[in-house]
Each structure stands twice: as C-alpha cells, then as structure tokens.
C-alpha cells in the first residue's frame, strides 16, 4: 500500500504525491493523509519545554524557587523567563556554572537568549521544542524522512536504513539516521556541533553528544510521542531522558513564518546577534 506525503511550497500551495515502496510491518505513518491538512501540533501548555519521564535522570527544568510560567494568548497569568535548575545531577560542573551565570543575568534584569528568536538553528534534540501555535509536518519517503518546522522553515533530514558516516562533519542538526522497530521510528543522531543548546534553558553540550529518539503513534494515531535519550560524557554525568508529545491537527497548509530581517538589536542581546551575510547573494 503506498504512503501519501504532503508536498508544499513556501507560498503555501500544496499537492499530494504517492510514494511507492513496501512499508515496514506495523511502521507508523507520520504523514498519513493525502492532503495539506495533516500536521502535528504540541499538545501541552508549553511545548518549548520537554516533558519529563516517569522516572530516572531527566532533562533540565525550572528552578523551583523561580517557577516558569509560559506565555498563553489571552491567559490570566503574567509569564516569566526561564531560570534553570542547575542542581540537576546530570550536569557537569562547567555546564552548571555556565548556566548559573546565565541565570544570574536574567535575575539581574536581562532577557534570556533563545536561539530561534535570533534566527539560529535549534539543533537536536531542541528541534522538537516549539510553542503550541506552531506546527510540524513530516514528509516520508522510503529513503528519507523530512521534519519541517513552521517556524522559519527549518528542515531536519532523517536518512532511512543506512549506517552513520565514518566521521561526520559537525553540523547544526547533526547526522540523523533512522529505521523502524515494529511500531516505533528510531532516530540516531551524532555529528552535532557545540554551538546549539540542548533546550530553552540554555543547557550546553559538546560535539560528542549522542541523541536517540523513539517516535510512536498512540491514541489511534491521533497522538505522537517522541522519547529522547541523550548521552554526552563531556557535558553530562549520566545519560538522561526527555519526552515530547504532539497531537494530529487539521491545521494547514503550513504558513510562512520567516525569521525577520533587520532586527539586529532585538532586546539588546549580548550574545549571538542575528546572523547576517558578509556579502550579497547576487
């Protein structure tokens, strides 16, 4: 049975195309429907933070003394900035100290730096962090799966049923290879540079970070869960786990949301200005 994937342009026009090839037994079809209405939307209040596993070492969350309150359109609460819990035992001392200094900048009145707000790639695993008002589209073919963000049209490539390169050159999203294990899509990522953060608490990592994700459909195909395992002996004392969860949504087509030009002084950030070209492209 052929799979159908959504093919779209930046202008928002879309067509449906069938991709032939045998499906793996029980493999989830993340794109599924032959039209532009199929997409995934985070289904918890703050999709910009990971959900935590039921037990074991886990991703960084907020400092209990400074609870994080996300921005909710027309919500009753005053949102706050993220202050990381640097007592989390996963952190190496240098990483905890770097984050402690970043926390202090915010407590002194600064505005925390989030890569996507400055037009920088989010990296992996932070690629799956997004606010609930954005959507992600999966495009599946037998040889490759693309994850496409509404936000700035950042694209992640997952190459199917192939081994990792012998020595991948470090890059923003690394080298992701995938395969199906029963009803789970397993994605293994290495080759990440050290210029991204693990999350929106500005957790650092090294270029030795290794990320394994398991994507699984639940709730009759209406919910998608990504269970993430992170290892990096240079930045973390132990492997740890995080979770992201989406719901299938009828929103579409994907809307154009480019990162705006000419806002280099946005919020007077002290680090990482918006990237600009050294010369014209034409």
C-alpha atoms as a PDB file:
ATOM      1  CA  UNK A   1       0.000   0.000   0.000  1.00  0.00           C
ATOM      2  CA  UNK A   2       1.505   3.372  -0.969  1.00  0.00           C
ATOM      3  CA  UNK A   3       2.169   6.103   1.538  1.00  0.00           C
ATOM      4  CA  UNK A   4       0.930   9.578   0.889  1.00  0.00           C
ATOM      5  CA  UNK A   5       3.004  12.587   1.819  1.00  0.00           C
ATOM      6  CA  UNK A   6       2.291  16.272   1.845  1.00  0.00           C
ATOM      7  CA  UNK A   7       4.362  18.317  -0.594  1.00  0.00           C
ATOM      8  CA  UNK A   8       4.193  22.078  -0.210  1.00  0.00           C
ATOM      9  CA  UNK A   9       5.830  25.333  -1.222  1.00  0.00           C
ATOM     10  CA  UNK A  10       6.736  28.391   0.849  1.00  0.00           C
ATOM     11  CA  UNK A  11       3.815  30.205  -0.690  1.00  0.00           C
ATOM     12  CA  UNK A  12       1.538  27.684   0.963  1.00  0.00           C
ATOM     13  CA  UNK A  13       0.349  25.944  -2.214  1.00  0.00           C
ATOM     14  CA  UNK A  14       0.267  22.181  -1.876  1.00  0.00           C
ATOM     15  CA  UNK A  15      -0.314  18.952  -3.767  1.00  0.00           C
ATOM     16  CA  UNK A  16      -0.338  15.316  -2.701  1.00  0.00           C
ATOM     17  CA  UNK A  17       2.006  12.692  -4.123  1.00  0.00           C
ATOM     18  CA  UNK A  18       2.126   8.950  -3.585  1.00  0.00           C
ATOM     19  CA  UNK A  19       5.436   7.402  -2.625  1.00  0.00           C
ATOM     20  CA  UNK A  20       5.746   3.756  -3.577  1.00  0.00           C
ATOM     21  CA  UNK A  21       7.652   1.161  -1.616  1.00  0.00           C
ATOM     22  CA  UNK A  22       6.859  -1.533   0.896  1.00  0.00           C
ATOM     23  CA  UNK A  23       6.034  -0.366   4.394  1.00  0.00           C
ATOM     24  CA  UNK A  24       7.762  -1.967   7.355  1.00  0.00           C
ATOM     25  CA  UNK A  25       5.371  -4.145   9.318  1.00  0.00           C
ATOM     26  CA  UNK A  26       3.473  -2.004  11.768  1.00  0.00           C
ATOM     27  CA  UNK A  27       5.502   1.111  10.966  1.00  0.00           C
ATOM     28  CA  UNK A  28       3.822   4.403  11.891  1.00  0.00           C
ATOM     29  CA  UNK A  29       2.812   6.673   9.048  1.00  0.00           C
ATOM     30  CA  UNK A  30       3.560  10.125  10.375  1.00  0.00           C
ATOM     31  CA  UNK A  31       2.285  11.980   7.311  1.00  0.00           C
ATOM     32  CA  UNK A  32      -0.612   9.574   6.596  1.00  0.00           C
ATOM     33  CA  UNK A  33      -3.196  11.746   4.834  1.00  0.00           C
ATOM     34  CA  UNK A  34      -3.020  12.740   1.147  1.00  0.00           C
ATOM     35  CA  UNK A  35      -3.700  16.437   1.703  1.00  0.00           C
ATOM     36  CA  UNK A  36      -2.273  19.552   3.320  1.00  0.00           C
ATOM     37  CA  UNK A  37      -4.377  19.197   6.475  1.00  0.00           C
ATOM     38  CA  UNK A  38      -2.098  16.648   8.137  1.00  0.00           C
ATOM     39  CA  UNK A  39       0.366  18.165  10.584  1.00  0.00           C
ATOM     40  CA  UNK A  40       1.428  17.810  14.215  1.00  0.00           C
ATOM     41  CA  UNK A  41       0.921  20.339  16.983  1.00  0.00           C
ATOM     42  CA  UNK A  42       2.331  20.168  20.520  1.00  0.00           C
ATOM     43  CA  UNK A  43      -0.488  19.197  22.873  1.00  0.00           C
ATOM     44  CA  UNK A  44       0.743  20.589  26.195  1.00  0.00           C
ATOM     45  CA  UNK A  45       0.776  24.146  27.505  1.00  0.00           C
ATOM     46  CA  UNK A  46       4.470  24.801  26.980  1.00  0.00           C
ATOM     47  CA  UNK A  47       5.793  22.876  24.020  1.00  0.00           C
ATOM     48  CA  UNK A  48       9.017  24.872  24.333  1.00  0.00           C
ATOM     49  CA  UNK A  49       9.913  22.678  27.329  1.00  0.00           C
ATOM     50  CA  UNK A  50      10.410  18.928  27.385  1.00  0.00           C
ATOM     51  CA  UNK A  51       8.036  16.721  29.301  1.00  0.00           C
ATOM     52  CA  UNK A  52       9.778  14.595  31.928  1.00  0.00           C
ATOM     53  CA  UNK A  53       9.884  10.784  32.020  1.00  0.00           C
ATOM     54  CA  UNK A  54       8.153   8.860  34.779  1.00  0.00           C
ATOM     55  CA  UNK A  55      11.471   8.101  36.477  1.00  0.00           C
ATOM     56  CA  UNK A  56      15.234   8.289  36.119  1.00  0.00           C
ATOM     57  CA  UNK A  57      17.617  11.128  35.155  1.00  0.00           C
ATOM     58  CA  UNK A  58      15.779  13.769  33.175  1.00  0.00           C
ATOM     59  CA  UNK A  59      16.107  16.997  31.227  1.00  0.00           C
ATOM     60  CA  UNK A  60      16.652  20.361  32.880  1.00  0.00           C
ATOM     61  CA  UNK A  61      13.553  22.118  34.143  1.00  0.00           C
ATOM     62  CA  UNK A  62      12.973  25.383  36.017  1.00  0.00           C
ATOM     63  CA  UNK A  63      14.404  26.312  39.387  1.00  0.00           C
ATOM     64  CA  UNK A  64      11.638  25.603  41.951  1.00  0.00           C
ATOM     65  CA  UNK A  65      12.391  28.995  43.528  1.00  0.00           C
ATOM     66  CA  UNK A  66      11.591  30.670  40.194  1.00  0.00           C
ATOM     67  CA  UNK A  67       8.712  28.768  38.538  1.00  0.00           C
ATOM     68  CA  UNK A  68       8.396  29.226  34.807  1.00  0.00           C
ATOM     69  CA  UNK A  69       5.044  30.481  33.522  1.00  0.00           C
ATOM     70  CA  UNK A  70       4.692  30.286  29.714  1.00  0.00           C
ATOM     71  CA  UNK A  71       3.018  32.887  27.571  1.00  0.00           C
ATOM     72  CA  UNK A  72      -0.600  31.918  26.900  1.00  0.00           C
ATOM     73  CA  UNK A  73      -2.600  34.062  24.448  1.00  0.00           C
ATOM     74  CA  UNK A  74      -5.294  35.904  26.418  1.00  0.00           C
ATOM     75  CA  UNK A  75      -4.172  33.983  29.512  1.00  0.00           C
ATOM     76  CA  UNK A  76      -4.708  35.291  33.063  1.00  0.00           C
ATOM     77  CA  UNK A  77      -1.126  34.851  34.277  1.00  0.00           C
ATOM     78  CA  UNK A  78       1.953  37.014  33.930  1.00  0.00           C
ATOM     79  CA  UNK A  79       4.574  34.968  32.010  1.00  0.00           C
ATOM     80  CA  UNK A  80       8.089  34.681  33.359  1.00  0.00           C
ATOM     81  CA  UNK A  81      11.532  33.938  31.935  1.00  0.00           C
ATOM     82  CA  UNK A  82      13.231  30.569  32.340  1.00  0.00           C
ATOM     83  CA  UNK A  83      15.592  30.134  35.280  1.00  0.00           C
ATOM     84  CA  UNK A  84      17.283  26.733  35.063  1.00  0.00           C
ATOM     85  CA  UNK A  85      17.566  24.310  37.954  1.00  0.00           C
ATOM     86  CA  UNK A  86      21.354  23.930  37.997  1.00  0.00           C
ATOM     87  CA  UNK A  87      21.172  21.421  40.863  1.00  0.00           C
ATOM     88  CA  UNK A  88      20.048  18.729  38.413  1.00  0.00           C
ATOM     89  CA  UNK A  89      22.651  15.951  38.887  1.00  0.00           C
ATOM     90  CA  UNK A  90      23.034  15.347  35.149  1.00  0.00           C
ATOM     91  CA  UNK A  91      25.191  18.488  34.791  1.00  0.00           C
ATOM     92  CA  UNK A  92      28.988  18.515  34.761  1.00  0.00           C
ATOM     93  CA  UNK A  93      30.387  21.334  36.954  1.00  0.00           C
ATOM     94  CA  UNK A  94      31.410  23.518  33.994  1.00  0.00           C
ATOM     95  CA  UNK A  95      27.930  23.229  32.448  1.00  0.00           C
ATOM     96  CA  UNK A  96      26.221  24.028  35.745  1.00  0.00           C
ATOM     97  CA  UNK A  97      28.446  27.080  36.245  1.00  0.00           C
ATOM     98  CA  UNK A  98      27.777  28.376  32.729  1.00  0.00           C
ATOM     99  CA  UNK A  99      24.050  28.037  33.324  1.00  0.00           C
ATOM    100  CA  UNK A 100      24.310  29.637  36.767  1.00  0.00           C
ATOM    101  CA  UNK A 101      25.862  32.734  35.170  1.00  0.00           C
ATOM    102  CA  UNK A 102      23.102  32.813  32.556  1.00  0.00           C
ATOM    103  CA  UNK A 103      20.510  32.544  35.329  1.00  0.00           C
ATOM    104  CA  UNK A 104      22.090  35.466  37.159  1.00  0.00           C
ATOM    105  CA  UNK A 105      21.954  37.637  34.050  1.00  0.00           C
ATOM    106  CA  UNK A 106      18.205  37.057  33.867  1.00  0.00           C
ATOM    107  CA  UNK A 107      17.693  37.662  37.594  1.00  0.00           C
ATOM    108  CA  UNK A 108      19.585  40.954  37.144  1.00  0.00           C
ATOM    109  CA  UNK A 109      17.047  42.075  34.551  1.00  0.00           C
ATOM    110  CA  UNK A 110      18.401  40.556  31.349  1.00  0.00           C
ATOM    111  CA  UNK A 111      16.371  38.717  28.734  1.00  0.00           C
ATOM    112  CA  UNK A 112      17.271  35.036  28.240  1.00  0.00           C
ATOM    113  CA  UNK A 113      18.667  34.084  24.890  1.00  0.00           C
ATOM    114  CA  UNK A 114      16.665  31.547  22.847  1.00  0.00           C
ATOM    115  CA  UNK A 115      18.306  30.518  19.541  1.00  0.00           C
ATOM    116  CA  UNK A 116      15.202  30.586  17.355  1.00  0.00           C
ATOM    117  CA  UNK A 117      14.353  34.102  18.488  1.00  0.00           C
ATOM    118  CA  UNK A 118      17.662  35.135  16.927  1.00  0.00           C
ATOM    119  CA  UNK A 119      17.280  33.125  13.687  1.00  0.00           C
ATOM    120  CA  UNK A 120      19.804  30.467  14.725  1.00  0.00           C
ATOM    121  CA  UNK A 121      19.101  26.751  14.151  1.00  0.00           C
ATOM    122  CA  UNK A 122      17.713  24.990  17.209  1.00  0.00           C
ATOM    123  CA  UNK A 123      19.803  21.829  16.862  1.00  0.00           C
ATOM    124  CA  UNK A 124      18.947  18.377  18.216  1.00  0.00           C
ATOM    125  CA  UNK A 125      17.181  17.466  20.472  1.00  0.00           C
ATOM    126  CA  UNK A 126      15.854  21.045  20.839  1.00  0.00           C
ATOM    127  CA  UNK A 127      14.457  20.798  17.295  1.00  0.00           C
ATOM    128  CA  UNK A 128      11.271  19.241  18.692  1.00  0.00           C
ATOM    129  CA  UNK A 129      10.625  22.106  21.121  1.00  0.00           C
ATOM    130  CA  UNK A 130       8.009  24.500  19.785  1.00  0.00           C
ATOM    131  CA  UNK A 131       5.072  26.555  21.045  1.00  0.00           C
ATOM    132  CA  UNK A 132       1.598  25.042  20.624  1.00  0.00           C
ATOM    133  CA  UNK A 133       0.618  27.612  17.992  1.00  0.00           C
ATOM    134  CA  UNK A 134       3.220  26.264  15.527  1.00  0.00           C
ATOM    135  CA  UNK A 135       3.022  23.034  13.559  1.00  0.00           C
ATOM    136  CA  UNK A 136       5.483  20.445  12.275  1.00  0.00           C
ATOM    137  CA  UNK A 137       4.984  18.455   9.077  1.00  0.00           C
ATOM    138  CA  UNK A 138       6.559  15.054   8.387  1.00  0.00           C
ATOM    139  CA  UNK A 139       7.335  14.119   4.776  1.00  0.00           C
ATOM    140  CA  UNK A 140       8.055  10.406   4.420  1.00  0.00           C
ATOM    141  CA  UNK A 141       9.750   8.551   1.583  1.00  0.00           C
ATOM    142  CA  UNK A 142      11.401   5.116   1.594  1.00  0.00           C
ATOM    143  CA  UNK A 143      14.883   6.663   1.783  1.00  0.00           C
ATOM    144  CA  UNK A 144      14.363   9.805   3.829  1.00  0.00           C
ATOM    145  CA  UNK A 145      12.032  11.487   6.307  1.00  0.00           C
ATOM    146  CA  UNK A 146      11.911  15.267   6.498  1.00  0.00           C
ATOM    147  CA  UNK A 147      10.704  17.165   9.550  1.00  0.00           C
ATOM    148  CA  UNK A 148       9.659  20.689   8.576  1.00  0.00           C
ATOM    149  CA  UNK A 149       9.000  23.397  11.144  1.00  0.00           C
ATOM    150  CA  UNK A 150       6.552  26.182  10.527  1.00  0.00           C
ATOM    151  CA  UNK A 151       8.949  28.443  12.406  1.00  0.00           C
ATOM    152  CA  UNK A 152      11.479  29.743   9.836  1.00  0.00           C
ATOM    153  CA  UNK A 153      11.008  26.561   7.746  1.00  0.00           C
ATOM    154  CA  UNK A 154      13.866  24.802   9.471  1.00  0.00           C
ATOM    155  CA  UNK A 155      14.211  21.334   7.926  1.00  0.00           C
ATOM    156  CA  UNK A 156      15.666  18.228   9.522  1.00  0.00           C
ATOM    157  CA  UNK A 157      16.746  15.248   7.390  1.00  0.00           C
ATOM    158  CA  UNK A 158      16.490  11.667   8.673  1.00  0.00           C
ATOM    159  CA  UNK A 159      18.133   9.158   6.321  1.00  0.00           C
ATOM    160  CA  UNK A 160      16.490   5.752   6.476  1.00  0.00           C
ATOM    161  CA  UNK A 161      18.090   2.313   6.755  1.00  0.00           C
ATOM    162  CA  UNK A 162      21.691   3.447   6.315  1.00  0.00           C
ATOM    163  CA  UNK A 163      24.639   3.488   8.744  1.00  0.00           C
ATOM    164  CA  UNK A 164      26.251   6.635  10.069  1.00  0.00           C
ATOM    165  CA  UNK A 165      29.145   8.127   8.130  1.00  0.00           C
ATOM    166  CA  UNK A 166      32.551   7.087   9.422  1.00  0.00           C
ATOM    167  CA  UNK A 167      33.423  10.620  10.555  1.00  0.00           C
ATOM    168  CA  UNK A 168      30.523  13.068  10.023  1.00  0.00           C
ATOM    169  CA  UNK A 169      31.454  16.723   9.949  1.00  0.00           C
ATOM    170  CA  UNK A 170      29.780  18.525  12.894  1.00  0.00           C
ATOM    171  CA  UNK A 171      26.697  20.477  11.829  1.00  0.00           C
ATOM    172  CA  UNK A 172      23.703  22.264  13.367  1.00  0.00           C
ATOM    173  CA  UNK A 173      21.328  19.290  13.247  1.00  0.00           C
ATOM    174  CA  UNK A 174      23.973  16.581  13.029  1.00  0.00           C
ATOM    175  CA  UNK A 175      23.621  13.375  11.061  1.00  0.00           C
ATOM    176  CA  UNK A 176      20.349  11.557  11.748  1.00  0.00           C
ATOM    177  CA  UNK A 177      19.756   8.003  10.539  1.00  0.00           C
ATOM    178  CA  UNK A 178      16.554   6.101  11.169  1.00  0.00           C
ATOM    179  CA  UNK A 179      14.886   2.738  10.977  1.00  0.00           C
ATOM    180  CA  UNK A 180      11.659   1.135  12.136  1.00  0.00           C
ATOM    181  CA  UNK A 181      11.491  -1.262  15.057  1.00  0.00           C
ATOM    182  CA  UNK A 182       7.953  -2.605  15.000  1.00  0.00           C
ATOM    183  CA  UNK A 183       5.658   0.348  15.565  1.00  0.00           C
ATOM    184  CA  UNK A 184       8.445   2.786  16.506  1.00  0.00           C
ATOM    185  CA  UNK A 185      10.580   5.063  14.339  1.00  0.00           C
ATOM    186  CA  UNK A 186      14.067   5.049  15.882  1.00  0.00           C
ATOM    187  CA  UNK A 187      16.302   8.022  15.014  1.00  0.00           C
ATOM    188  CA  UNK A 188      20.007   8.062  15.956  1.00  0.00           C
ATOM    189  CA  UNK A 189      21.822  11.411  15.752  1.00  0.00           C
ATOM    190  CA  UNK A 190      25.547  12.186  16.041  1.00  0.00           C
ATOM    191  CA  UNK A 191      27.842  14.758  14.426  1.00  0.00           C
ATOM    192  CA  UNK A 192      26.356  17.772  16.204  1.00  0.00           C
ATOM    193  CA  UNK A 193      28.385  20.932  16.604  1.00  0.00           C
ATOM    194  CA  UNK A 194      28.622  22.546  20.054  1.00  0.00           C
ATOM    195  CA  UNK A 195      27.026  25.856  19.039  1.00  0.00           C
ATOM    196  CA  UNK A 196      23.467  24.916  19.969  1.00  0.00           C
ATOM    197  CA  UNK A 197      21.748  24.384  23.299  1.00  0.00           C
ATOM    198  CA  UNK A 198      20.000  21.198  24.367  1.00  0.00           C
ATOM    199  CA  UNK A 199      16.876  23.109  25.411  1.00  0.00           C
ATOM    200  CA  UNK A 200      15.495  26.581  26.054  1.00  0.00           C
ATOM    201  CA  UNK A 201      17.159  26.682  29.480  1.00  0.00           C
ATOM    202  CA  UNK A 202      20.423  27.167  27.547  1.00  0.00           C
ATOM    203  CA  UNK A 203      21.866  23.801  28.595  1.00  0.00           C
ATOM    204  CA  UNK A 204      25.205  23.407  26.783  1.00  0.00           C
ATOM    205  CA  UNK A 205      26.680  20.270  25.262  1.00  0.00           C
ATOM    206  CA  UNK A 206      29.819  19.170  23.405  1.00  0.00           C
ATOM    207  CA  UNK A 207      30.280  17.851  19.874  1.00  0.00           C
ATOM    208  CA  UNK A 208      30.298  14.319  21.327  1.00  0.00           C
ATOM    209  CA  UNK A 209      26.589  14.395  22.145  1.00  0.00           C
ATOM    210  CA  UNK A 210      24.602  11.353  21.009  1.00  0.00           C
ATOM    211  CA  UNK A 211      20.800  11.505  20.757  1.00  0.00           C
ATOM    212  CA  UNK A 212      18.437   8.563  20.246  1.00  0.00           C
ATOM    213  CA  UNK A 213      14.732   9.246  19.676  1.00  0.00           C
ATOM    214  CA  UNK A 214      11.816   6.833  19.518  1.00  0.00           C
ATOM    215  CA  UNK A 215       8.699   8.128  17.774  1.00  0.00           C
ATOM    216  CA  UNK A 216       5.494   6.199  18.454  1.00  0.00           C
ATOM    217  CA  UNK A 217       1.871   6.767  17.478  1.00  0.00           C
ATOM    218  CA  UNK A 218      -0.719   6.255  20.224  1.00  0.00           C
ATOM    219  CA  UNK A 219      -4.390   7.042  20.775  1.00  0.00           C
ATOM    220  CA  UNK A 220      -5.432   5.509  17.466  1.00  0.00           C
ATOM    221  CA  UNK A 221      -2.874   7.532  15.526  1.00  0.00           C
ATOM    222  CA  UNK A 222      -4.029  10.863  16.954  1.00  0.00           C
ATOM    223  CA  UNK A 223      -1.040  11.346  19.283  1.00  0.00           C
ATOM    224  CA  UNK A 224       2.691  11.179  18.529  1.00  0.00           C
ATOM    225  CA  UNK A 225       5.222  10.680  21.341  1.00  0.00           C
ATOM    226  CA  UNK A 226       8.972  11.209  20.989  1.00  0.00           C
ATOM    227  CA  UNK A 227      11.023   9.634  23.786  1.00  0.00           C
ATOM    228  CA  UNK A 228      14.536  11.098  23.731  1.00  0.00           C
ATOM    229  CA  UNK A 229      17.724   9.710  25.269  1.00  0.00           C
ATOM    230  CA  UNK A 230      20.770  11.992  25.455  1.00  0.00           C
ATOM    231  CA  UNK A 231      24.365  10.989  26.154  1.00  0.00           C
ATOM    232  CA  UNK A 232      27.325  13.369  26.296  1.00  0.00           C
ATOM    233  CA  UNK A 233      30.200  12.450  28.639  1.00  0.00           C
ATOM    234  CA  UNK A 234      31.699  15.906  28.119  1.00  0.00           C
ATOM    235  CA  UNK A 235      28.692  17.804  29.478  1.00  0.00           C
ATOM    236  CA  UNK A 236      26.585  15.316  31.471  1.00  0.00           C
ATOM    237  CA  UNK A 237      27.360  12.947  34.325  1.00  0.00           C
ATOM    238  CA  UNK A 238      24.935  10.333  33.033  1.00  0.00           C
ATOM    239  CA  UNK A 239      22.524   9.636  30.163  1.00  0.00           C
ATOM    240  CA  UNK A 240      19.150  11.278  30.639  1.00  0.00           C
ATOM    241  CA  UNK A 241      15.690  11.179  29.086  1.00  0.00           C
ATOM    242  CA  UNK A 242      13.099  13.676  27.891  1.00  0.00           C
ATOM    243  CA  UNK A 243       9.730  13.440  26.134  1.00  0.00           C
ATOM    244  CA  UNK A 244       7.832  15.494  23.555  1.00  0.00           C
ATOM    245  CA  UNK A 245       4.197  14.916  22.598  1.00  0.00           C
ATOM    246  CA  UNK A 246       2.115  16.151  19.664  1.00  0.00           C
ATOM    247  CA  UNK A 247      -1.479  15.799  18.516  1.00  0.00           C
ATOM    248  CA  UNK A 248      -2.546  15.355  14.919  1.00  0.00           C
ATOM    249  CA  UNK A 249      -4.155  18.577  13.763  1.00  0.00           C
ATOM    250  CA  UNK A 250      -6.326  19.646  10.867  1.00  0.00           C
ATOM    251  CA  UNK A 251      -4.445  22.932  10.591  1.00  0.00           C
ATOM    252  CA  UNK A 252      -2.866  23.587   7.226  1.00  0.00           C
ATOM    253  CA  UNK A 253      -1.351  24.364   4.886  1.00  0.00           C
ATOM    254  CA  UNK A 254       1.823  25.246   6.742  1.00  0.00           C
ATOM    255  CA  UNK A 255       2.101  29.021   6.973  1.00  0.00           C
ATOM    256  CA  UNK A 256       5.124  31.089   6.029  1.00  0.00           C
ATOM    257  CA  UNK A 257       6.924  32.268   9.163  1.00  0.00           C
ATOM    258  CA  UNK A 258      10.400  33.517   8.197  1.00  0.00           C
ATOM    259  CA  UNK A 259      12.785  34.996  10.691  1.00  0.00           C
ATOM    260  CA  UNK A 260      12.546  38.743  10.162  1.00  0.00           C
ATOM    261  CA  UNK A 261      15.471  40.718   8.785  1.00  0.00           C
ATOM    262  CA  UNK A 262      16.867  43.977  10.155  1.00  0.00           C
ATOM    263  CA  UNK A 263      16.139  43.392  13.828  1.00  0.00           C
ATOM    264  CA  UNK A 264      19.766  43.007  14.891  1.00  0.00           C
ATOM    265  CA  UNK A 265      19.273  44.920  18.146  1.00  0.00           C
ATOM    266  CA  UNK A 266      16.207  42.965  19.217  1.00  0.00           C
ATOM    267  CA  UNK A 267      16.077  43.042  23.042  1.00  0.00           C
ATOM    268  CA  UNK A 268      19.742  44.194  23.114  1.00  0.00           C
ATOM    269  CA  UNK A 269      21.045  40.643  23.457  1.00  0.00           C
ATOM    270  CA  UNK A 270      24.696  40.473  24.474  1.00  0.00           C
ATOM    271  CA  UNK A 271      25.408  37.199  22.672  1.00  0.00           C
ATOM    272  CA  UNK A 272      24.869  35.767  19.224  1.00  0.00           C
ATOM    273  CA  UNK A 273      23.438  38.558  17.128  1.00  0.00           C
ATOM    274  CA  UNK A 274      21.114  37.585  14.307  1.00  0.00           C
ATOM    275  CA  UNK A 275      23.312  36.016  11.580  1.00  0.00           C
ATOM    276  CA  UNK A 276      23.914  38.302   8.618  1.00  0.00           C
ATOM    277  CA  UNK A 277      25.588  37.684   5.270  1.00  0.00           C
ATOM    278  CA  UNK A 278      29.044  39.179   4.726  1.00  0.00           C
ATOM    279  CA  UNK A 279      28.192  39.947   1.087  1.00  0.00           C
ATOM    280  CA  UNK A 280      25.097  39.925  -1.132  1.00  0.00           C
ATOM    281  CA  UNK A 281      23.954  36.627  -2.636  1.00  0.00           C
ATOM    282  CA  UNK A 282      23.615  38.215  -6.059  1.00  0.00           C
END
